[in-house]
N, C-alpha and C. Protein backbone atom coordinates (compact mmCIF):
# COMPACT_ATOMS: atom_id res chain seq x y z
N UNK A 1 -16.81 21.27 6.57
CA UNK A 1 -16.22 20.58 5.42
C UNK A 1 -14.91 21.27 5.06
N UNK A 2 -14.05 20.58 4.37
CA UNK A 2 -12.75 21.10 3.99
C UNK A 2 -12.89 21.93 2.72
N UNK A 3 -12.16 23.05 2.66
CA UNK A 3 -12.22 23.86 1.45
C UNK A 3 -11.37 23.26 0.33
N UNK A 4 -10.33 22.54 0.70
CA UNK A 4 -9.47 21.87 -0.29
C UNK A 4 -9.19 20.45 0.21
N UNK A 5 -10.18 19.58 0.10
CA UNK A 5 -9.99 18.23 0.65
C UNK A 5 -8.99 17.41 -0.16
N UNK A 6 -8.26 16.57 0.57
CA UNK A 6 -7.35 15.64 -0.09
C UNK A 6 -8.14 14.43 -0.57
N UNK A 7 -7.53 13.63 -1.40
CA UNK A 7 -8.17 12.39 -1.84
C UNK A 7 -8.47 11.51 -0.63
N UNK A 8 -7.54 11.47 0.32
CA UNK A 8 -7.75 10.70 1.55
C UNK A 8 -9.03 11.16 2.26
N UNK A 9 -9.18 12.46 2.41
CA UNK A 9 -10.35 13.00 3.10
C UNK A 9 -11.64 12.75 2.33
N UNK A 10 -11.59 12.88 1.01
CA UNK A 10 -12.78 12.62 0.20
C UNK A 10 -13.26 11.18 0.35
N UNK A 11 -12.33 10.24 0.22
CA UNK A 11 -12.69 8.83 0.31
C UNK A 11 -13.19 8.47 1.71
N UNK A 12 -12.51 8.97 2.74
CA UNK A 12 -12.94 8.70 4.11
C UNK A 12 -14.32 9.32 4.36
N UNK A 13 -14.56 10.49 3.81
CA UNK A 13 -15.86 11.15 3.97
C UNK A 13 -16.98 10.38 3.31
N UNK A 14 -16.71 9.86 2.12
CA UNK A 14 -17.72 9.03 1.43
C UNK A 14 -18.02 7.78 2.25
N UNK A 15 -16.97 7.14 2.75
CA UNK A 15 -17.16 5.93 3.56
C UNK A 15 -17.98 6.25 4.81
N UNK A 16 -17.68 7.37 5.45
CA UNK A 16 -18.42 7.77 6.66
C UNK A 16 -19.89 8.02 6.34
N UNK A 17 -20.18 8.67 5.24
CA UNK A 17 -21.57 8.92 4.85
C UNK A 17 -22.31 7.61 4.55
N UNK A 18 -21.63 6.69 3.90
CA UNK A 18 -22.26 5.39 3.65
C UNK A 18 -22.59 4.67 4.96
N UNK A 19 -21.64 4.73 5.92
CA UNK A 19 -21.86 4.07 7.21
C UNK A 19 -22.97 4.73 8.01
N UNK A 20 -22.98 6.05 8.04
CA UNK A 20 -23.91 6.74 8.94
C UNK A 20 -25.26 7.03 8.31
N UNK A 21 -25.33 7.16 7.00
CA UNK A 21 -26.58 7.53 6.35
C UNK A 21 -27.20 6.37 5.58
N UNK A 22 -26.45 5.77 4.72
CA UNK A 22 -27.00 4.74 3.84
C UNK A 22 -27.25 3.44 4.59
N UNK A 23 -26.34 3.04 5.47
CA UNK A 23 -26.48 1.76 6.18
C UNK A 23 -27.81 1.66 6.92
N UNK A 24 -28.26 2.74 7.52
CA UNK A 24 -29.51 2.72 8.28
C UNK A 24 -30.72 2.43 7.39
N UNK A 25 -30.60 2.71 6.11
CA UNK A 25 -31.72 2.52 5.18
C UNK A 25 -31.74 1.14 4.53
N UNK A 26 -30.69 0.38 4.72
CA UNK A 26 -30.58 -0.93 4.05
C UNK A 26 -31.34 -1.97 4.85
N UNK A 27 -32.13 -2.78 4.15
CA UNK A 27 -32.98 -3.76 4.80
C UNK A 27 -32.47 -5.19 4.70
N UNK A 28 -31.68 -5.51 3.68
CA UNK A 28 -31.28 -6.90 3.48
C UNK A 28 -29.83 -7.13 3.90
N UNK A 29 -29.58 -8.31 4.44
CA UNK A 29 -28.23 -8.65 4.91
C UNK A 29 -27.20 -8.67 3.78
N UNK A 30 -27.51 -9.25 2.61
CA UNK A 30 -26.51 -9.22 1.54
C UNK A 30 -26.12 -7.79 1.13
N UNK A 31 -27.07 -6.88 1.15
CA UNK A 31 -26.77 -5.50 0.79
C UNK A 31 -25.93 -4.83 1.89
N UNK A 32 -26.21 -5.15 3.15
CA UNK A 32 -25.40 -4.63 4.26
C UNK A 32 -23.96 -5.11 4.14
N UNK A 33 -23.81 -6.37 3.81
CA UNK A 33 -22.46 -6.94 3.64
C UNK A 33 -21.74 -6.25 2.49
N UNK A 34 -22.45 -6.03 1.39
CA UNK A 34 -21.86 -5.34 0.25
C UNK A 34 -21.40 -3.94 0.65
N UNK A 35 -22.20 -3.23 1.42
CA UNK A 35 -21.83 -1.88 1.85
C UNK A 35 -20.61 -1.92 2.77
N UNK A 36 -20.52 -2.93 3.63
CA UNK A 36 -19.35 -3.07 4.50
C UNK A 36 -18.09 -3.34 3.66
N UNK A 37 -18.22 -4.13 2.62
CA UNK A 37 -17.08 -4.39 1.74
C UNK A 37 -16.66 -3.11 1.02
N UNK A 38 -17.62 -2.33 0.57
CA UNK A 38 -17.32 -1.06 -0.09
C UNK A 38 -16.62 -0.12 0.89
N UNK A 39 -17.08 -0.11 2.13
CA UNK A 39 -16.46 0.72 3.16
C UNK A 39 -14.99 0.34 3.34
N UNK A 40 -14.72 -0.95 3.41
CA UNK A 40 -13.33 -1.40 3.56
C UNK A 40 -12.47 -0.96 2.39
N UNK A 41 -12.99 -1.10 1.20
CA UNK A 41 -12.24 -0.70 0.00
C UNK A 41 -11.97 0.80 0.02
N UNK A 42 -12.98 1.59 0.33
CA UNK A 42 -12.80 3.04 0.37
C UNK A 42 -11.77 3.45 1.42
N UNK A 43 -11.80 2.83 2.59
CA UNK A 43 -10.84 3.20 3.63
C UNK A 43 -9.42 2.75 3.26
N UNK A 44 -9.30 1.60 2.60
CA UNK A 44 -7.99 1.17 2.12
C UNK A 44 -7.45 2.12 1.07
N UNK A 45 -8.30 2.54 0.17
CA UNK A 45 -7.89 3.51 -0.86
C UNK A 45 -7.53 4.85 -0.23
N UNK A 46 -8.25 5.22 0.81
CA UNK A 46 -7.95 6.47 1.52
C UNK A 46 -6.55 6.43 2.12
N UNK A 47 -6.23 5.34 2.83
CA UNK A 47 -4.89 5.21 3.42
C UNK A 47 -3.82 5.21 2.34
N UNK A 48 -4.09 4.50 1.27
CA UNK A 48 -3.11 4.40 0.18
C UNK A 48 -2.88 5.76 -0.48
N UNK A 49 -3.96 6.49 -0.74
CA UNK A 49 -3.85 7.80 -1.39
C UNK A 49 -3.02 8.76 -0.55
N UNK A 50 -3.13 8.64 0.76
CA UNK A 50 -2.43 9.57 1.64
C UNK A 50 -0.92 9.34 1.68
N UNK A 51 -0.48 8.11 1.45
CA UNK A 51 0.93 7.79 1.72
C UNK A 51 1.66 7.02 0.63
N UNK A 52 1.00 6.65 -0.43
CA UNK A 52 1.58 5.74 -1.41
C UNK A 52 2.91 6.23 -1.99
N UNK A 53 2.96 7.46 -2.42
CA UNK A 53 4.20 7.96 -3.04
C UNK A 53 5.33 8.00 -2.01
N UNK A 54 5.04 8.39 -0.77
CA UNK A 54 6.08 8.40 0.26
C UNK A 54 6.58 6.98 0.54
N UNK A 55 5.66 6.01 0.63
CA UNK A 55 6.07 4.63 0.87
C UNK A 55 6.98 4.14 -0.25
N UNK A 56 6.67 4.48 -1.48
CA UNK A 56 7.49 4.05 -2.62
C UNK A 56 8.89 4.64 -2.51
N UNK A 57 8.99 5.91 -2.19
CA UNK A 57 10.31 6.54 -2.05
C UNK A 57 11.10 5.92 -0.90
N UNK A 58 10.42 5.64 0.21
CA UNK A 58 11.09 5.01 1.35
C UNK A 58 11.61 3.62 0.97
N UNK A 59 10.82 2.88 0.21
CA UNK A 59 11.28 1.55 -0.21
C UNK A 59 12.49 1.66 -1.14
N UNK A 60 12.47 2.63 -2.02
CA UNK A 60 13.61 2.83 -2.93
C UNK A 60 14.89 3.11 -2.12
N UNK A 61 14.75 3.87 -1.05
CA UNK A 61 15.92 4.13 -0.20
C UNK A 61 16.41 2.84 0.46
N UNK A 62 15.47 2.01 0.92
CA UNK A 62 15.88 0.73 1.52
C UNK A 62 16.56 -0.17 0.50
N UNK A 63 16.04 -0.21 -0.72
CA UNK A 63 16.64 -1.04 -1.76
C UNK A 63 18.02 -0.51 -2.14
N UNK A 64 18.16 0.80 -2.19
CA UNK A 64 19.48 1.40 -2.45
C UNK A 64 20.48 0.99 -1.38
N UNK A 65 20.05 1.05 -0.11
CA UNK A 65 20.93 0.65 0.98
C UNK A 65 21.27 -0.84 0.91
N UNK A 66 20.29 -1.65 0.56
CA UNK A 66 20.48 -3.10 0.48
C UNK A 66 21.44 -3.47 -0.65
N UNK A 67 21.24 -2.87 -1.81
CA UNK A 67 22.02 -3.25 -2.99
C UNK A 67 23.30 -2.46 -3.14
N UNK A 68 23.38 -1.33 -2.45
CA UNK A 68 24.53 -0.45 -2.62
C UNK A 68 24.48 0.31 -3.93
N UNK A 69 23.32 0.33 -4.58
CA UNK A 69 23.15 1.02 -5.86
C UNK A 69 22.00 2.02 -5.75
N UNK A 70 22.28 3.24 -6.19
CA UNK A 70 21.26 4.27 -6.21
C UNK A 70 20.13 3.86 -7.15
N UNK A 71 18.92 3.93 -6.68
CA UNK A 71 17.77 3.52 -7.49
C UNK A 71 17.21 4.68 -8.32
N UNK A 72 17.89 5.81 -8.29
CA UNK A 72 17.46 6.93 -9.10
C UNK A 72 16.19 7.55 -8.57
N UNK A 73 15.40 8.11 -9.47
CA UNK A 73 14.16 8.79 -9.09
C UNK A 73 13.15 8.63 -10.22
N UNK A 74 11.88 8.82 -9.92
CA UNK A 74 10.88 8.75 -10.99
C UNK A 74 11.03 9.92 -11.95
N UNK A 75 10.50 9.77 -13.14
CA UNK A 75 10.57 10.84 -14.14
C UNK A 75 9.84 12.08 -13.66
N UNK A 76 8.79 11.89 -12.85
CA UNK A 76 8.05 13.00 -12.26
C UNK A 76 7.34 12.46 -11.02
N UNK A 77 6.61 13.31 -10.35
CA UNK A 77 5.83 12.86 -9.20
C UNK A 77 4.41 12.45 -9.58
N UNK A 78 4.10 12.43 -10.87
CA UNK A 78 2.81 11.91 -11.31
C UNK A 78 2.78 10.42 -11.02
N UNK A 79 1.64 9.94 -10.57
CA UNK A 79 1.55 8.56 -10.09
C UNK A 79 2.02 7.53 -11.11
N UNK A 80 1.68 7.70 -12.38
CA UNK A 80 2.12 6.74 -13.39
C UNK A 80 3.64 6.64 -13.45
N UNK A 81 4.33 7.77 -13.37
CA UNK A 81 5.79 7.76 -13.40
C UNK A 81 6.36 7.14 -12.12
N UNK A 82 5.75 7.43 -11.00
CA UNK A 82 6.23 6.87 -9.73
C UNK A 82 6.02 5.35 -9.72
N UNK A 83 4.89 4.90 -10.22
CA UNK A 83 4.62 3.46 -10.25
C UNK A 83 5.57 2.75 -11.22
N UNK A 84 5.88 3.37 -12.34
CA UNK A 84 6.84 2.79 -13.28
C UNK A 84 8.22 2.67 -12.63
N UNK A 85 8.62 3.68 -11.90
CA UNK A 85 9.89 3.67 -11.18
C UNK A 85 9.87 2.60 -10.08
N UNK A 86 8.74 2.50 -9.38
CA UNK A 86 8.60 1.51 -8.33
C UNK A 86 8.77 0.10 -8.88
N UNK A 87 8.30 -0.11 -10.09
CA UNK A 87 8.49 -1.42 -10.72
C UNK A 87 9.98 -1.71 -10.88
N UNK A 88 10.75 -0.72 -11.31
CA UNK A 88 12.20 -0.91 -11.44
C UNK A 88 12.84 -1.19 -10.09
N UNK A 89 12.40 -0.47 -9.06
CA UNK A 89 12.91 -0.70 -7.71
C UNK A 89 12.56 -2.12 -7.25
N UNK A 90 11.35 -2.56 -7.55
CA UNK A 90 10.91 -3.91 -7.18
C UNK A 90 11.74 -4.98 -7.87
N UNK A 91 12.07 -4.74 -9.13
CA UNK A 91 12.92 -5.69 -9.86
C UNK A 91 14.30 -5.75 -9.21
N UNK A 92 14.83 -4.59 -8.83
CA UNK A 92 16.14 -4.56 -8.16
C UNK A 92 16.09 -5.32 -6.84
N UNK A 93 15.00 -5.16 -6.09
CA UNK A 93 14.85 -5.90 -4.84
C UNK A 93 14.76 -7.40 -5.10
N UNK A 94 13.97 -7.78 -6.08
CA UNK A 94 13.83 -9.20 -6.43
C UNK A 94 15.17 -9.80 -6.84
N UNK A 95 15.92 -9.08 -7.65
CA UNK A 95 17.24 -9.55 -8.09
C UNK A 95 18.18 -9.72 -6.91
N UNK A 96 18.12 -8.78 -5.96
CA UNK A 96 18.99 -8.87 -4.79
C UNK A 96 18.60 -10.04 -3.90
N UNK A 97 17.32 -10.27 -3.73
CA UNK A 97 16.87 -11.40 -2.92
C UNK A 97 17.36 -12.70 -3.55
N UNK A 98 17.19 -12.82 -4.85
CA UNK A 98 17.65 -14.02 -5.55
C UNK A 98 19.17 -14.19 -5.42
N UNK A 99 19.91 -13.11 -5.61
CA UNK A 99 21.37 -13.18 -5.51
C UNK A 99 21.81 -13.52 -4.08
N UNK A 100 21.10 -12.99 -3.11
CA UNK A 100 21.45 -13.26 -1.71
C UNK A 100 21.33 -14.76 -1.41
N UNK A 101 20.23 -15.35 -1.85
CA UNK A 101 20.04 -16.78 -1.59
C UNK A 101 21.03 -17.63 -2.38
N UNK A 102 21.33 -17.23 -3.60
CA UNK A 102 22.32 -17.97 -4.39
C UNK A 102 23.70 -17.90 -3.76
N UNK A 103 24.02 -16.77 -3.14
CA UNK A 103 25.35 -16.58 -2.56
C UNK A 103 25.56 -17.44 -1.32
N UNK A 104 24.47 -17.74 -0.61
CA UNK A 104 24.60 -18.51 0.62
C UNK A 104 25.11 -17.67 1.79
N UNK A 105 25.36 -16.40 1.57
CA UNK A 105 25.86 -15.48 2.60
C UNK A 105 24.70 -15.15 3.56
N UNK A 106 24.77 -15.67 4.79
CA UNK A 106 23.66 -15.53 5.72
C UNK A 106 23.35 -14.06 6.05
N UNK A 107 24.37 -13.24 6.18
CA UNK A 107 24.13 -11.82 6.47
C UNK A 107 23.37 -11.15 5.32
N UNK A 108 23.74 -11.49 4.11
CA UNK A 108 23.06 -10.94 2.93
C UNK A 108 21.61 -11.45 2.85
N UNK A 109 21.43 -12.73 3.17
CA UNK A 109 20.08 -13.31 3.18
C UNK A 109 19.23 -12.62 4.24
N UNK A 110 19.81 -12.41 5.42
CA UNK A 110 19.07 -11.74 6.50
C UNK A 110 18.69 -10.32 6.10
N UNK A 111 19.59 -9.63 5.44
CA UNK A 111 19.29 -8.27 4.99
C UNK A 111 18.18 -8.27 3.95
N UNK A 112 18.20 -9.24 3.05
CA UNK A 112 17.15 -9.35 2.04
C UNK A 112 15.81 -9.65 2.70
N UNK A 113 15.82 -10.56 3.66
CA UNK A 113 14.58 -10.88 4.39
C UNK A 113 14.04 -9.65 5.13
N UNK A 114 14.94 -8.88 5.72
CA UNK A 114 14.52 -7.67 6.44
C UNK A 114 13.87 -6.68 5.48
N UNK A 115 14.41 -6.58 4.28
CA UNK A 115 13.82 -5.68 3.28
C UNK A 115 12.43 -6.17 2.87
N UNK A 116 12.29 -7.47 2.70
CA UNK A 116 10.97 -8.03 2.37
C UNK A 116 9.99 -7.85 3.52
N UNK A 117 10.46 -8.01 4.75
CA UNK A 117 9.60 -7.80 5.91
C UNK A 117 9.14 -6.34 6.00
N UNK A 118 10.06 -5.43 5.69
CA UNK A 118 9.70 -4.00 5.71
C UNK A 118 8.65 -3.71 4.64
N UNK A 119 8.80 -4.30 3.47
CA UNK A 119 7.81 -4.12 2.40
C UNK A 119 6.46 -4.67 2.84
N UNK A 120 6.46 -5.83 3.45
CA UNK A 120 5.22 -6.44 3.91
C UNK A 120 4.55 -5.59 4.97
N UNK A 121 5.33 -5.02 5.87
CA UNK A 121 4.76 -4.16 6.92
C UNK A 121 4.09 -2.93 6.32
N UNK A 122 4.69 -2.36 5.29
CA UNK A 122 4.09 -1.21 4.62
C UNK A 122 2.80 -1.63 3.93
N UNK A 123 2.82 -2.77 3.26
CA UNK A 123 1.61 -3.25 2.59
C UNK A 123 0.48 -3.46 3.60
N UNK A 124 0.80 -3.98 4.75
CA UNK A 124 -0.22 -4.18 5.78
C UNK A 124 -0.73 -2.84 6.31
N UNK A 125 0.16 -1.86 6.40
CA UNK A 125 -0.25 -0.53 6.84
C UNK A 125 -1.21 0.09 5.82
N UNK A 126 -0.93 -0.11 4.54
CA UNK A 126 -1.79 0.42 3.49
C UNK A 126 -3.14 -0.28 3.51
N UNK A 127 -3.12 -1.59 3.60
CA UNK A 127 -4.36 -2.36 3.56
C UNK A 127 -5.16 -2.25 4.85
N UNK A 128 -4.47 -2.07 5.96
CA UNK A 128 -5.15 -2.05 7.23
C UNK A 128 -5.59 -3.45 7.61
N UNK A 129 -6.40 -3.54 8.59
CA UNK A 129 -6.91 -4.83 9.04
C UNK A 129 -8.03 -5.25 8.09
N UNK A 130 -7.76 -6.20 7.26
CA UNK A 130 -8.75 -6.66 6.29
C UNK A 130 -9.69 -7.63 6.97
N UNK A 131 -10.93 -7.21 7.11
CA UNK A 131 -11.96 -8.08 7.66
C UNK A 131 -12.63 -8.80 6.51
N UNK A 132 -12.90 -10.05 6.69
CA UNK A 132 -13.59 -10.81 5.65
C UNK A 132 -15.09 -10.65 5.85
N UNK A 133 -15.57 -9.49 5.46
CA UNK A 133 -16.98 -9.16 5.62
C UNK A 133 -17.83 -10.15 4.85
N UNK A 134 -18.78 -10.76 5.56
CA UNK A 134 -19.71 -11.69 4.91
C UNK A 134 -19.10 -13.02 4.54
N UNK A 135 -17.91 -13.30 5.07
CA UNK A 135 -17.21 -14.54 4.73
C UNK A 135 -17.08 -15.44 5.96
N UNK A 136 -18.18 -15.79 6.55
CA UNK A 136 -18.17 -16.72 7.67
C UNK A 136 -17.78 -16.07 8.92
């Protein structure tokens, strides 16, 4: 076991214990499905905990490059401050996307789309492959 586990390690460890220990004891299919859904949520949270603040900073750099305006920095590295700052960065991105389409400038539109694609790729990395457990 880790002497100083990260949040990522704690969540992944809980998910692993549920899969290897608890799953074997479950008798009903609905309960198995529920445990699989919990596993997915825990692993998604694990990935997010490991990289969320870095992803936010990387996106702010992309938005700064896209808009030509420095997006500043969060008031601190505490998650609430980083998330509040990320909201401001997201508003700046949204404003730039809107302005790009209004301008009709294809290069600007392409740059805005690339920024949105980069954001989407990060979101997919955080979420991982979402399986629709128990959904057909």
